Amino acid sequence: MYFQKRSSEPVPKENTMIWSCEQEGCKGWMRDNFSFAYAPTCHLCQSPMVSSMEMLPLLVNSNINMKLLKEGVRIL
């Protein structure tokens, strides 16, 4: 049998605000609309992060503002 490889559609990209780690050598980053903090720290090395723009595939976040939500659930 022969299966022909289908040509996939190009993924739409848009200019997206991200947070990237300012520690040299660390590759930590996150999208701004998925962060809980207004100035997050790196989840890999706990260093401060800086804001920048990057061309990334379009990804929709159904939560309007993640920064208004609480981080995690407190267990008693």
N, C-alpha and C. Protein backbone atom coordinates (compact mmCIF):
# COMPACT_ATOMS: atom_id res chain seq x y z
N MET A 1 0.83 -1.18 0.00
CA MET A 1 0.00 0.00 0.00
C MET A 1 0.87 1.25 0.00
N TYR A 2 0.34 2.27 -0.57
CA TYR A 2 1.05 3.54 -0.64
C TYR A 2 0.17 4.63 -0.05
N PHE A 3 0.71 5.35 0.92
CA PHE A 3 -0.01 6.46 1.52
C PHE A 3 0.69 7.75 1.16
N GLN A 4 -0.03 8.63 0.53
CA GLN A 4 0.54 9.91 0.12
C GLN A 4 0.49 10.89 1.29
N LYS A 5 1.59 11.55 1.51
CA LYS A 5 1.64 12.54 2.58
C LYS A 5 0.82 13.75 2.17
N ARG A 6 -0.15 14.10 3.01
CA ARG A 6 -1.00 15.25 2.71
C ARG A 6 -0.27 16.53 3.09
N SER A 7 -0.45 17.53 2.29
CA SER A 7 0.15 18.82 2.63
C SER A 7 -0.72 19.48 3.69
N SER A 8 -0.12 19.86 4.80
CA SER A 8 -0.90 20.46 5.88
C SER A 8 -1.04 21.96 5.66
N GLU A 9 -2.09 22.50 6.24
CA GLU A 9 -2.31 23.93 6.12
C GLU A 9 -1.30 24.67 6.99
N PRO A 10 -0.88 25.84 6.56
CA PRO A 10 0.04 26.60 7.41
C PRO A 10 -0.67 27.07 8.68
N VAL A 11 0.02 26.99 9.80
CA VAL A 11 -0.54 27.40 11.08
C VAL A 11 -0.52 28.92 11.15
N PRO A 12 -1.68 29.56 11.43
CA PRO A 12 -1.67 31.02 11.52
C PRO A 12 -0.87 31.49 12.73
N LYS A 13 -0.05 32.51 12.52
CA LYS A 13 0.78 33.06 13.59
C LYS A 13 0.41 34.52 13.80
N GLU A 14 0.62 34.99 15.03
CA GLU A 14 0.38 36.39 15.33
C GLU A 14 1.43 36.88 16.31
N ASN A 15 1.62 38.18 16.34
CA ASN A 15 2.56 38.80 17.25
C ASN A 15 1.98 38.71 18.66
N THR A 16 2.66 38.02 19.57
CA THR A 16 2.15 37.72 20.90
C THR A 16 3.09 38.24 21.97
N MET A 17 2.52 38.83 23.03
CA MET A 17 3.34 39.29 24.15
C MET A 17 3.72 38.09 25.01
N ILE A 18 5.02 37.96 25.32
CA ILE A 18 5.50 36.86 26.14
C ILE A 18 6.38 37.39 27.26
N TRP A 19 6.62 36.56 28.24
CA TRP A 19 7.60 36.80 29.29
C TRP A 19 8.72 35.81 29.09
N SER A 20 9.97 36.30 29.04
CA SER A 20 11.11 35.40 28.89
C SER A 20 12.09 35.66 30.02
N CYS A 21 12.77 34.60 30.43
CA CYS A 21 13.70 34.69 31.56
C CYS A 21 14.89 35.56 31.18
N GLU A 22 15.31 36.42 32.10
CA GLU A 22 16.46 37.28 31.82
C GLU A 22 17.78 36.64 32.23
N GLN A 23 17.73 35.47 32.88
CA GLN A 23 18.95 34.74 33.25
C GLN A 23 19.59 34.17 31.99
N GLU A 24 20.86 34.45 31.78
CA GLU A 24 21.55 33.96 30.59
C GLU A 24 21.66 32.43 30.65
N GLY A 25 21.28 31.79 29.59
CA GLY A 25 21.35 30.33 29.51
C GLY A 25 20.03 29.64 29.86
N CYS A 26 19.10 30.33 30.48
CA CYS A 26 17.79 29.75 30.81
C CYS A 26 16.86 29.95 29.63
N LYS A 27 16.08 28.94 29.30
CA LYS A 27 15.18 29.01 28.15
C LYS A 27 13.72 29.13 28.56
N GLY A 28 13.46 29.55 29.82
CA GLY A 28 12.09 29.66 30.30
C GLY A 28 11.36 30.84 29.68
N TRP A 29 10.09 30.61 29.29
CA TRP A 29 9.24 31.67 28.75
C TRP A 29 7.79 31.25 28.90
N MET A 30 6.87 32.21 28.84
CA MET A 30 5.44 31.93 28.88
C MET A 30 4.68 33.04 28.17
N ARG A 31 3.52 32.71 27.67
CA ARG A 31 2.66 33.72 27.06
C ARG A 31 2.08 34.59 28.16
N ASP A 32 1.92 35.88 27.89
CA ASP A 32 1.39 36.80 28.89
C ASP A 32 -0.04 36.45 29.28
N ASN A 33 -0.87 36.03 28.32
CA ASN A 33 -2.26 35.75 28.66
C ASN A 33 -2.44 34.42 29.38
N PHE A 34 -1.36 33.68 29.64
CA PHE A 34 -1.42 32.46 30.43
C PHE A 34 -0.67 32.60 31.75
N SER A 35 -0.21 33.79 32.09
CA SER A 35 0.51 33.99 33.35
C SER A 35 -0.44 34.52 34.41
N PHE A 36 -0.19 34.14 35.66
CA PHE A 36 -1.03 34.58 36.77
C PHE A 36 -0.54 35.88 37.38
N ALA A 37 0.73 36.23 37.20
CA ALA A 37 1.31 37.41 37.84
C ALA A 37 1.53 38.53 36.83
N TYR A 38 1.49 39.76 37.32
CA TYR A 38 1.76 40.91 36.45
C TYR A 38 3.24 41.01 36.09
N ALA A 39 4.10 40.51 36.96
CA ALA A 39 5.54 40.42 36.69
C ALA A 39 6.01 39.06 37.19
N PRO A 40 5.85 38.00 36.38
CA PRO A 40 6.15 36.64 36.85
C PRO A 40 7.63 36.37 37.02
N THR A 41 7.94 35.32 37.78
CA THR A 41 9.30 34.82 37.89
C THR A 41 9.39 33.54 37.08
N CYS A 42 10.59 33.21 36.67
CA CYS A 42 10.83 32.03 35.83
C CYS A 42 10.48 30.77 36.62
N HIS A 43 9.74 29.86 36.00
CA HIS A 43 9.36 28.62 36.66
C HIS A 43 10.51 27.61 36.68
N LEU A 44 11.57 27.87 35.94
CA LEU A 44 12.71 26.96 35.91
C LEU A 44 13.81 27.37 36.89
N CYS A 45 14.12 28.69 36.95
CA CYS A 45 15.25 29.13 37.79
C CYS A 45 14.87 30.21 38.80
N GLN A 46 13.61 30.61 38.86
CA GLN A 46 13.08 31.62 39.78
C GLN A 46 13.74 32.99 39.60
N SER A 47 14.24 33.30 38.42
CA SER A 47 14.79 34.62 38.10
C SER A 47 13.67 35.52 37.59
N PRO A 48 13.87 36.84 37.63
CA PRO A 48 12.86 37.75 37.06
C PRO A 48 12.72 37.53 35.55
N MET A 49 11.56 37.89 35.03
CA MET A 49 11.31 37.74 33.60
C MET A 49 11.06 39.11 32.98
N VAL A 50 11.38 39.24 31.69
CA VAL A 50 11.18 40.50 30.98
C VAL A 50 10.14 40.28 29.88
N SER A 51 9.41 41.33 29.58
CA SER A 51 8.35 41.28 28.59
C SER A 51 8.93 41.53 27.20
N SER A 52 8.42 40.80 26.20
CA SER A 52 8.82 41.02 24.81
C SER A 52 7.72 40.49 23.89
N MET A 53 7.89 40.68 22.60
CA MET A 53 6.93 40.21 21.60
C MET A 53 7.59 39.12 20.76
N GLU A 54 6.76 38.14 20.34
CA GLU A 54 7.26 37.01 19.56
C GLU A 54 6.16 36.56 18.60
N MET A 55 6.54 36.12 17.40
CA MET A 55 5.58 35.55 16.45
C MET A 55 5.35 34.08 16.83
N LEU A 56 4.13 33.79 17.31
CA LEU A 56 3.79 32.44 17.77
C LEU A 56 2.50 31.98 17.13
N PRO A 57 2.28 30.65 17.06
CA PRO A 57 1.01 30.16 16.55
C PRO A 57 -0.15 30.67 17.40
N LEU A 58 -1.26 30.94 16.75
CA LEU A 58 -2.44 31.46 17.42
C LEU A 58 -2.97 30.42 18.40
N LEU A 59 -3.18 30.85 19.66
CA LEU A 59 -3.68 29.98 20.71
C LEU A 59 -4.67 30.79 21.53
N VAL A 60 -5.90 30.30 21.62
CA VAL A 60 -6.97 31.04 22.27
C VAL A 60 -7.07 30.61 23.73
N ASN A 61 -7.11 31.59 24.65
CA ASN A 61 -7.28 31.35 26.07
C ASN A 61 -8.71 31.74 26.42
N SER A 62 -9.51 30.77 26.90
CA SER A 62 -10.91 31.06 27.18
C SER A 62 -11.10 31.91 28.43
N ASN A 63 -10.11 31.94 29.34
CA ASN A 63 -10.19 32.80 30.51
C ASN A 63 -9.79 34.20 30.10
N ILE A 64 -10.62 35.18 30.41
CA ILE A 64 -10.38 36.55 29.98
C ILE A 64 -9.11 37.11 30.61
N ASN A 65 -8.99 37.07 31.93
CA ASN A 65 -7.84 37.64 32.61
C ASN A 65 -7.35 36.67 33.68
N MET A 66 -6.27 35.95 33.40
CA MET A 66 -5.73 34.97 34.33
C MET A 66 -5.16 35.63 35.58
N LYS A 67 -4.78 36.89 35.48
CA LYS A 67 -4.15 37.57 36.60
C LYS A 67 -5.13 37.86 37.74
N LEU A 68 -6.44 37.83 37.44
CA LEU A 68 -7.44 38.04 38.47
C LEU A 68 -7.77 36.75 39.22
N LEU A 69 -7.38 35.59 38.67
CA LEU A 69 -7.62 34.31 39.32
C LEU A 69 -6.56 34.04 40.38
N LYS A 70 -6.88 33.23 41.36
CA LYS A 70 -5.92 32.88 42.40
C LYS A 70 -5.01 31.77 41.88
N GLU A 71 -3.76 31.78 42.35
CA GLU A 71 -2.83 30.73 41.97
C GLU A 71 -3.07 29.50 42.84
N GLY A 72 -3.46 28.41 42.25
CA GLY A 72 -3.61 27.16 42.97
C GLY A 72 -4.78 27.14 43.93
N VAL A 73 -4.92 26.01 44.58
CA VAL A 73 -6.00 25.83 45.55
C VAL A 73 -5.37 25.53 46.90
N ARG A 74 -5.83 26.21 47.93
CA ARG A 74 -5.29 26.02 49.27
C ARG A 74 -5.90 24.78 49.88
N ILE A 75 -5.05 23.86 50.37
CA ILE A 75 -5.50 22.62 50.99
C ILE A 75 -5.37 22.78 52.50
N LEU A 76 -6.46 22.50 53.21
CA LEU A 76 -6.46 22.64 54.67
C LEU A 76 -6.13 21.34 55.34
